[in-house]
Amino acid sequence: MMLDLVKYPVIRTEKATRLIETNQFSFDVDVRLTKPQIKKLIEEFFKVKVLAVNTHRPPRKLKRLGSSPSFKRAIIAVDSSDSLLK
């Protein structure tokens, strides 16, 4: 199922809690998802209108073997008439 590719919402950071006030929500998603796929997935599951999707791969602390993050962080801007907090 495509929803399994969305790992979890990010609410533990200060920036993520500030973004909620402006109708932007953060999710950690699978690294294979593209922006159009993330947009379609969020719109279908939460029944909201997504205005923009921004993604980045956050840095990890260096380990002995070196590893890249196994997730991608997506910041979703939702239309002001909609909300994910319903």
PDB file of N, CA and C in Angstrom:
ATOM      1  N   MET A   1       0.842  -1.171   0.000  1.00  0.00           N
ATOM      2  CA  MET A   1       0.000   0.000   0.000  1.00  0.00           C
ATOM      3  C   MET A   1       0.893   1.242   0.000  1.00  0.00           C
ATOM      4  N   MET A   2       0.469   2.263  -0.709  1.00  0.00           N
ATOM      5  CA  MET A   2       1.268   3.490  -0.809  1.00  0.00           C
ATOM      6  C   MET A   2       1.374   4.227   0.514  1.00  0.00           C
ATOM      7  N   LEU A   3       0.378   4.114   1.370  1.00  0.00           N
ATOM      8  CA  LEU A   3       0.406   4.833   2.635  1.00  0.00           C
ATOM      9  C   LEU A   3       1.537   4.332   3.537  1.00  0.00           C
ATOM     10  N   ASP A   4       1.978   3.105   3.329  1.00  0.00           N
ATOM     11  CA  ASP A   4       3.085   2.581   4.118  1.00  0.00           C
ATOM     12  C   ASP A   4       4.388   3.326   3.837  1.00  0.00           C
ATOM     13  N   LEU A   5       4.452   4.039   2.716  1.00  0.00           N
ATOM     14  CA  LEU A   5       5.654   4.788   2.380  1.00  0.00           C
ATOM     15  C   LEU A   5       5.770   6.086   3.175  1.00  0.00           C
ATOM     16  N   VAL A   6       4.664   6.533   3.773  1.00  0.00           N
ATOM     17  CA  VAL A   6       4.719   7.671   4.702  1.00  0.00           C
ATOM     18  C   VAL A   6       5.011   7.086   6.069  1.00  0.00           C
ATOM     19  N   LYS A   7       6.190   7.370   6.598  1.00  0.00           N
ATOM     20  CA  LYS A   7       6.621   6.728   7.833  1.00  0.00           C
ATOM     21  C   LYS A   7       5.878   7.285   9.046  1.00  0.00           C
ATOM     22  N   TYR A   8       5.965   8.597   9.270  1.00  0.00           N
ATOM     23  CA  TYR A   8       5.254   9.200  10.397  1.00  0.00           C
ATOM     24  C   TYR A   8       5.296  10.722  10.280  1.00  0.00           C
ATOM     25  N   PRO A   9       4.361  11.410  10.954  1.00  0.00           N
ATOM     26  CA  PRO A   9       4.405  12.877  10.963  1.00  0.00           C
ATOM     27  C   PRO A   9       5.503  13.352  11.903  1.00  0.00           C
ATOM     28  N   VAL A  10       6.088  14.482  11.586  1.00  0.00           N
ATOM     29  CA  VAL A  10       7.146  15.043  12.423  1.00  0.00           C
ATOM     30  C   VAL A  10       6.528  16.146  13.264  1.00  0.00           C
ATOM     31  N   ILE A  11       6.495  15.947  14.573  1.00  0.00           N
ATOM     32  CA  ILE A  11       5.961  16.969  15.464  1.00  0.00           C
ATOM     33  C   ILE A  11       6.921  17.256  16.613  1.00  0.00           C
ATOM     34  N   ARG A  12       8.044  16.579  16.647  1.00  0.00           N
ATOM     35  CA  ARG A  12       8.953  16.701  17.780  1.00  0.00           C
ATOM     36  C   ARG A  12       9.959  17.841  17.639  1.00  0.00           C
ATOM     37  N   THR A  13       9.984  18.511  16.506  1.00  0.00           N
ATOM     38  CA  THR A  13      10.942  19.602  16.336  1.00  0.00           C
ATOM     39  C   THR A  13      10.240  20.949  16.490  1.00  0.00           C
ATOM     40  N   GLU A  14      11.018  21.940  16.866  1.00  0.00           N
ATOM     41  CA  GLU A  14      10.467  23.277  17.052  1.00  0.00           C
ATOM     42  C   GLU A  14       9.966  23.859  15.727  1.00  0.00           C
ATOM     43  N   LYS A  15      10.708  23.621  14.654  1.00  0.00           N
ATOM     44  CA  LYS A  15      10.307  24.141  13.357  1.00  0.00           C
ATOM     45  C   LYS A  15       8.981  23.520  12.905  1.00  0.00           C
ATOM     46  N   ALA A  16       8.815  22.230  13.131  1.00  0.00           N
ATOM     47  CA  ALA A  16       7.587  21.555  12.713  1.00  0.00           C
ATOM     48  C   ALA A  16       6.377  22.106  13.461  1.00  0.00           C
ATOM     49  N   THR A  17       6.532  22.415  14.735  1.00  0.00           N
ATOM     50  CA  THR A  17       5.403  22.966  15.482  1.00  0.00           C
ATOM     51  C   THR A  17       5.090  24.394  15.048  1.00  0.00           C
ATOM     52  N   ARG A  18       6.097  25.165  14.656  1.00  0.00           N
ATOM     53  CA  ARG A  18       5.859  26.515  14.126  1.00  0.00           C
ATOM     54  C   ARG A  18       5.142  26.455  12.778  1.00  0.00           C
ATOM     55  N   LEU A  19       5.490  25.482  11.953  1.00  0.00           N
ATOM     56  CA  LEU A  19       4.887  25.362  10.626  1.00  0.00           C
ATOM     57  C   LEU A  19       3.407  24.996  10.688  1.00  0.00           C
ATOM     58  N   ILE A  20       2.993  24.307  11.737  1.00  0.00           N
ATOM     59  CA  ILE A  20       1.592  23.918  11.874  1.00  0.00           C
ATOM     60  C   ILE A  20       0.703  25.158  11.932  1.00  0.00           C
ATOM     61  N   GLU A  21       1.199  26.234  12.526  1.00  0.00           N
ATOM     62  CA  GLU A  21       0.421  27.474  12.618  1.00  0.00           C
ATOM     63  C   GLU A  21       0.140  28.078  11.245  1.00  0.00           C
ATOM     64  N   THR A  22       0.982  27.796  10.255  1.00  0.00           N
ATOM     65  CA  THR A  22       0.811  28.333   8.908  1.00  0.00           C
ATOM     66  C   THR A  22       0.265  27.283   7.933  1.00  0.00           C
ATOM     67  N   ASN A  23      -0.395  26.250   8.470  1.00  0.00           N
ATOM     68  CA  ASN A  23      -0.976  25.163   7.663  1.00  0.00           C
ATOM     69  C   ASN A  23       0.069  24.432   6.834  1.00  0.00           C
ATOM     70  N   GLN A  24       1.238  24.197   7.419  1.00  0.00           N
ATOM     71  CA  GLN A  24       2.254  23.366   6.790  1.00  0.00           C
ATOM     72  C   GLN A  24       2.572  22.221   7.747  1.00  0.00           C
ATOM     73  N   PHE A  25       2.666  21.027   7.199  1.00  0.00           N
ATOM     74  CA  PHE A  25       2.856  19.848   8.023  1.00  0.00           C
ATOM     75  C   PHE A  25       4.064  19.068   7.514  1.00  0.00           C
ATOM     76  N   SER A  26       4.804  18.460   8.438  1.00  0.00           N
ATOM     77  CA  SER A  26       6.017  17.724   8.083  1.00  0.00           C
ATOM     78  C   SER A  26       5.781  16.226   8.248  1.00  0.00           C
ATOM     79  N   PHE A  27       6.272  15.475   7.286  1.00  0.00           N
ATOM     80  CA  PHE A  27       6.193  14.019   7.322  1.00  0.00           C
ATOM     81  C   PHE A  27       7.541  13.449   6.915  1.00  0.00           C
ATOM     82  N   ASP A  28       7.902  12.320   7.505  1.00  0.00           N
ATOM     83  CA  ASP A  28       9.036  11.559   7.019  1.00  0.00           C
ATOM     84  C   ASP A  28       8.487  10.500   6.078  1.00  0.00           C
ATOM     85  N   VAL A  29       9.001  10.494   4.856  1.00  0.00           N
ATOM     86  CA  VAL A  29       8.504   9.579   3.831  1.00  0.00           C
ATOM     87  C   VAL A  29       9.660   8.754   3.284  1.00  0.00           C
ATOM     88  N   ASP A  30       9.326   7.748   2.529  1.00  0.00           N
ATOM     89  CA  ASP A  30      10.330   6.902   1.893  1.00  0.00           C
ATOM     90  C   ASP A  30      11.129   7.708   0.870  1.00  0.00           C
ATOM     91  N   VAL A  31      12.408   7.413   0.728  1.00  0.00           N
ATOM     92  CA  VAL A  31      13.272   8.184  -0.168  1.00  0.00           C
ATOM     93  C   VAL A  31      12.922   7.986  -1.638  1.00  0.00           C
ATOM     94  N   ARG A  32      12.172   6.951  -1.966  1.00  0.00           N
ATOM     95  CA  ARG A  32      11.831   6.691  -3.364  1.00  0.00           C
ATOM     96  C   ARG A  32      10.659   7.518  -3.869  1.00  0.00           C
ATOM     97  N   LEU A  33       9.903   8.147  -2.972  1.00  0.00           N
ATOM     98  CA  LEU A  33       8.745   8.932  -3.384  1.00  0.00           C
ATOM     99  C   LEU A  33       9.168  10.257  -4.007  1.00  0.00           C
ATOM    100  N   THR A  34       8.462  10.640  -5.049  1.00  0.00           N
ATOM    101  CA  THR A  34       8.691  11.936  -5.681  1.00  0.00           C
ATOM    102  C   THR A  34       7.651  12.926  -5.159  1.00  0.00           C
ATOM    103  N   LYS A  35       7.846  14.215  -5.469  1.00  0.00           N
ATOM    104  CA  LYS A  35       6.910  15.239  -5.000  1.00  0.00           C
ATOM    105  C   LYS A  35       5.488  15.016  -5.508  1.00  0.00           C
ATOM    106  N   PRO A  36       5.276  14.693  -6.795  1.00  0.00           N
ATOM    107  CA  PRO A  36       3.898  14.433  -7.246  1.00  0.00           C
ATOM    108  C   PRO A  36       3.263  13.223  -6.552  1.00  0.00           C
ATOM    109  N   GLN A  37       4.060  12.206  -6.269  1.00  0.00           N
ATOM    110  CA  GLN A  37       3.524  11.036  -5.572  1.00  0.00           C
ATOM    111  C   GLN A  37       3.139  11.383  -4.139  1.00  0.00           C
ATOM    112  N   ILE A  38       3.962  12.191  -3.464  1.00  0.00           N
ATOM    113  CA  ILE A  38       3.662  12.606  -2.096  1.00  0.00           C
ATOM    114  C   ILE A  38       2.395  13.442  -2.079  1.00  0.00           C
ATOM    115  N   LYS A  39       2.274  14.367  -3.028  1.00  0.00           N
ATOM    116  CA  LYS A  39       1.093  15.232  -3.109  1.00  0.00           C
ATOM    117  C   LYS A  39      -0.171  14.401  -3.296  1.00  0.00           C
ATOM    118  N   LYS A  40      -0.154  13.469  -4.231  1.00  0.00           N
ATOM    119  CA  LYS A  40      -1.317  12.629  -4.510  1.00  0.00           C
ATOM    120  C   LYS A  40      -1.675  11.776  -3.290  1.00  0.00           C
ATOM    121  N   LEU A  41      -0.685  11.241  -2.632  1.00  0.00           N
ATOM    122  CA  LEU A  41      -0.895  10.388  -1.474  1.00  0.00           C
ATOM    123  C   LEU A  41      -1.552  11.153  -0.329  1.00  0.00           C
ATOM    124  N   ILE A  42      -1.062  12.351  -0.033  1.00  0.00           N
ATOM    125  CA  ILE A  42      -1.609  13.159   1.059  1.00  0.00           C
ATOM    126  C   ILE A  42      -3.019  13.636   0.715  1.00  0.00           C
ATOM    127  N   GLU A  43      -3.233  14.064  -0.543  1.00  0.00           N
ATOM    128  CA  GLU A  43      -4.563  14.528  -0.942  1.00  0.00           C
ATOM    129  C   GLU A  43      -5.607  13.414  -0.852  1.00  0.00           C
ATOM    130  N   GLU A  44      -5.255  12.211  -1.258  1.00  0.00           N
ATOM    131  CA  GLU A  44      -6.202  11.106  -1.230  1.00  0.00           C
ATOM    132  C   GLU A  44      -6.489  10.641   0.194  1.00  0.00           C
ATOM    133  N   PHE A  45      -5.463  10.570   1.018  1.00  0.00           N
ATOM    134  CA  PHE A  45      -5.651  10.020   2.356  1.00  0.00           C
ATOM    135  C   PHE A  45      -6.333  11.004   3.303  1.00  0.00           C
ATOM    136  N   PHE A  46      -5.900  12.273   3.301  1.00  0.00           N
ATOM    137  CA  PHE A  46      -6.437  13.252   4.239  1.00  0.00           C
ATOM    138  C   PHE A  46      -7.580  14.085   3.662  1.00  0.00           C
ATOM    139  N   LYS A  47      -7.878  13.940   2.372  1.00  0.00           N
ATOM    140  CA  LYS A  47      -8.958  14.691   1.709  1.00  0.00           C
ATOM    141  C   LYS A  47      -8.765  16.201   1.868  1.00  0.00           C
ATOM    142  N   VAL A  48      -7.559  16.680   1.548  1.00  0.00           N
ATOM    143  CA  VAL A  48      -7.224  18.108   1.605  1.00  0.00           C
ATOM    144  C   VAL A  48      -6.626  18.529   0.275  1.00  0.00           C
ATOM    145  N   LYS A  49      -6.560  19.835   0.041  1.00  0.00           N
ATOM    146  CA  LYS A  49      -5.933  20.383  -1.166  1.00  0.00           C
ATOM    147  C   LYS A  49      -4.505  20.775  -0.811  1.00  0.00           C
ATOM    148  N   VAL A  50      -3.536  20.109  -1.430  1.00  0.00           N
ATOM    149  CA  VAL A  50      -2.127  20.396  -1.186  1.00  0.00           C
ATOM    150  C   VAL A  50      -1.678  21.487  -2.150  1.00  0.00           C
ATOM    151  N   LEU A  51      -1.107  22.551  -1.601  1.00  0.00           N
ATOM    152  CA  LEU A  51      -0.627  23.659  -2.423  1.00  0.00           C
ATOM    153  C   LEU A  51       0.816  23.448  -2.874  1.00  0.00           C
ATOM    154  N   ALA A  52       1.659  22.927  -1.983  1.00  0.00           N
ATOM    155  CA  ALA A  52       3.076  22.759  -2.325  1.00  0.00           C
ATOM    156  C   ALA A  52       3.676  21.615  -1.520  1.00  0.00           C
ATOM    157  N   VAL A  53       4.692  21.010  -2.092  1.00  0.00           N
ATOM    158  CA  VAL A  53       5.447  19.962  -1.415  1.00  0.00           C
ATOM    159  C   VAL A  53       6.927  20.310  -1.527  1.00  0.00           C
ATOM    160  N   ASN A  54       7.580  20.441  -0.396  1.00  0.00           N
ATOM    161  CA  ASN A  54       9.027  20.660  -0.360  1.00  0.00           C
ATOM    162  C   ASN A  54       9.658  19.460   0.326  1.00  0.00           C
ATOM    163  N   THR A  55      10.759  18.974  -0.240  1.00  0.00           N
ATOM    164  CA  THR A  55      11.417  17.808   0.341  1.00  0.00           C
ATOM    165  C   THR A  55      12.894  18.072   0.548  1.00  0.00           C
ATOM    166  N   HIS A  56      13.460  17.371   1.514  1.00  0.00           N
ATOM    167  CA  HIS A  56      14.900  17.374   1.700  1.00  0.00           C
ATOM    168  C   HIS A  56      15.296  16.134   2.494  1.00  0.00           C
ATOM    169  N   ARG A  57      16.554  15.787   2.390  1.00  0.00           N
ATOM    170  CA  ARG A  57      17.090  14.668   3.150  1.00  0.00           C
ATOM    171  C   ARG A  57      17.936  15.245   4.265  1.00  0.00           C
ATOM    172  N   PRO A  58      17.464  15.165   5.509  1.00  0.00           N
ATOM    173  CA  PRO A  58      18.188  15.787   6.608  1.00  0.00           C
ATOM    174  C   PRO A  58      19.532  15.098   6.853  1.00  0.00           C
ATOM    175  N   PRO A  59      20.519  15.854   7.326  1.00  0.00           N
ATOM    176  CA  PRO A  59      21.837  15.262   7.573  1.00  0.00           C
ATOM    177  C   PRO A  59      21.796  14.312   8.762  1.00  0.00           C
ATOM    178  N   ARG A  60      22.657  13.340   8.711  1.00  0.00           N
ATOM    179  CA  ARG A  60      22.801  12.374   9.794  1.00  0.00           C
ATOM    180  C   ARG A  60      24.147  12.576  10.455  1.00  0.00           C
ATOM    181  N   LYS A  61      24.253  12.130  11.680  1.00  0.00           N
ATOM    182  CA  LYS A  61      25.546  12.136  12.334  1.00  0.00           C
ATOM    183  C   LYS A  61      26.415  11.090  11.651  1.00  0.00           C
ATOM    184  N   LEU A  62      27.673  11.409  11.471  1.00  0.00           N
ATOM    185  CA  LEU A  62      28.569  10.473  10.797  1.00  0.00           C
ATOM    186  C   LEU A  62      28.816   9.253  11.669  1.00  0.00           C
ATOM    187  N   LYS A  63      28.735   8.113  11.058  1.00  0.00           N
ATOM    188  CA  LYS A  63      29.022   6.870  11.745  1.00  0.00           C
ATOM    189  C   LYS A  63      30.299   6.296  11.148  1.00  0.00           C
ATOM    190  N   ARG A  64      30.771   5.264  11.696  1.00  0.00           N
ATOM    191  CA  ARG A  64      32.022   4.684  11.247  1.00  0.00           C
ATOM    192  C   ARG A  64      31.942   4.212   9.790  1.00  0.00           C
ATOM    193  N   LEU A  65      30.856   3.597   9.430  1.00  0.00           N
ATOM    194  CA  LEU A  65      30.705   3.101   8.063  1.00  0.00           C
ATOM    195  C   LEU A  65      30.086   4.142   7.140  1.00  0.00           C
ATOM    196  N   GLY A  66      29.534   5.180   7.701  1.00  0.00           N
ATOM    197  CA  GLY A  66      28.877   6.205   6.881  1.00  0.00           C
ATOM    198  C   GLY A  66      27.550   5.703   6.367  1.00  0.00           C
ATOM    199  N   SER A  67      26.522   6.457   6.599  1.00  0.00           N
ATOM    200  CA  SER A  67      25.203   6.034   6.134  1.00  0.00           C
ATOM    201  C   SER A  67      24.394   7.257   5.737  1.00  0.00           C
ATOM    202  N   SER A  68      23.550   7.053   4.756  1.00  0.00           N
ATOM    203  CA  SER A  68      22.644   8.121   4.369  1.00  0.00           C
ATOM    204  C   SER A  68      21.308   7.870   5.053  1.00  0.00           C
ATOM    205  N   PRO A  69      20.506   8.904   5.249  1.00  0.00           N
ATOM    206  CA  PRO A  69      19.225   8.695   5.925  1.00  0.00           C
ATOM    207  C   PRO A  69      18.321   7.764   5.119  1.00  0.00           C
ATOM    208  N   SER A  70      17.526   6.994   5.829  1.00  0.00           N
ATOM    209  CA  SER A  70      16.615   6.069   5.161  1.00  0.00           C
ATOM    210  C   SER A  70      15.249   6.703   4.960  1.00  0.00           C
ATOM    211  N   PHE A  71      15.179   8.023   5.104  1.00  0.00           N
ATOM    212  CA  PHE A  71      13.917   8.716   4.896  1.00  0.00           C
ATOM    213  C   PHE A  71      14.173  10.072   4.275  1.00  0.00           C
ATOM    214  N   LYS A  72      13.111  10.657   3.788  1.00  0.00           N
ATOM    215  CA  LYS A  72      13.134  11.989   3.204  1.00  0.00           C
ATOM    216  C   LYS A  72      12.086  12.789   3.967  1.00  0.00           C
ATOM    217  N   ARG A  73      12.392  14.022   4.329  1.00  0.00           N
ATOM    218  CA  ARG A  73      11.424  14.847   5.041  1.00  0.00           C
ATOM    219  C   ARG A  73      10.641  15.683   4.041  1.00  0.00           C
ATOM    220  N   ALA A  74       9.329  15.630   4.129  1.00  0.00           N
ATOM    221  CA  ALA A  74       8.450  16.377   3.226  1.00  0.00           C
ATOM    222  C   ALA A  74       7.672  17.398   4.045  1.00  0.00           C
ATOM    223  N   ILE A  75       7.696  18.654   3.596  1.00  0.00           N
ATOM    224  CA  ILE A  75       6.910  19.710   4.211  1.00  0.00           C
ATOM    225  C   ILE A  75       5.767  20.013   3.253  1.00  0.00           C
ATOM    226  N   ILE A  76       4.546  19.779   3.722  1.00  0.00           N
ATOM    227  CA  ILE A  76       3.351  19.885   2.905  1.00  0.00           C
ATOM    228  C   ILE A  76       2.609  21.166   3.262  1.00  0.00           C
ATOM    229  N   ALA A  77       2.366  22.033   2.279  1.00  0.00           N
ATOM    230  CA  ALA A  77       1.562  23.239   2.485  1.00  0.00           C
ATOM    231  C   ALA A  77       0.134  22.928   2.071  1.00  0.00           C
ATOM    232  N   VAL A  78      -0.791  23.121   3.000  1.00  0.00           N
ATOM    233  CA  VAL A  78      -2.193  22.782   2.782  1.00  0.00           C
ATOM    234  C   VAL A  78      -2.992  24.071   2.629  1.00  0.00           C
ATOM    235  N   ASP A  79      -4.051  24.015   1.824  1.00  0.00           N
ATOM    236  CA  ASP A  79      -4.934  25.159   1.624  1.00  0.00           C
ATOM    237  C   ASP A  79      -5.494  25.609   2.972  1.00  0.00           C
ATOM    238  N   SER A  80      -5.657  26.925   3.139  1.00  0.00           N
ATOM    239  CA  SER A  80      -6.084  27.475   4.432  1.00  0.00           C
ATOM    240  C   SER A  80      -7.499  27.047   4.822  1.00  0.00           C
ATOM    241  N   SER A  81      -8.312  26.676   3.858  1.00  0.00           N
ATOM    242  CA  SER A  81      -9.671  26.222   4.200  1.00  0.00           C
ATOM    243  C   SER A  81      -9.668  24.775   4.699  1.00  0.00           C
ATOM    244  N   ASP A  82      -8.583  24.037   4.454  1.00  0.00           N
ATOM    245  CA  ASP A  82      -8.460  22.662   4.905  1.00  0.00           C
ATOM    246  C   ASP A  82      -7.482  22.597   6.072  1.00  0.00           C
ATOM    247  N   SER A  83      -7.518  21.482   6.773  1.00  0.00           N
ATOM    248  CA  SER A  83      -6.552  21.252   7.833  1.00  0.00           C
ATOM    249  C   SER A  83      -6.419  19.754   8.055  1.00  0.00           C
ATOM    250  N   LEU A  84      -5.221  19.307   8.423  1.00  0.00           N
ATOM    251  CA  LEU A  84      -5.009  17.900   8.730  1.00  0.00           C
ATOM    252  C   LEU A  84      -5.355  17.604  10.177  1.00  0.00           C
ATOM    253  N   LEU A  85      -5.612  18.638  10.963  1.00  0.00           N
ATOM    254  CA  LEU A  85      -5.849  18.461  12.392  1.00  0.00           C
ATOM    255  C   LEU A  85      -7.313  18.216  12.742  1.00  0.00           C
ATOM    256  N   LYS A  86      -8.147  17.932  11.770  1.00  0.00           N
ATOM    257  CA  LYS A  86      -9.590  17.697  12.020  1.00  0.00           C
ATOM    258  C   LYS A  86      -9.804  16.465  12.844  1.00  0.00           C
TER     259      LYS A  86
END
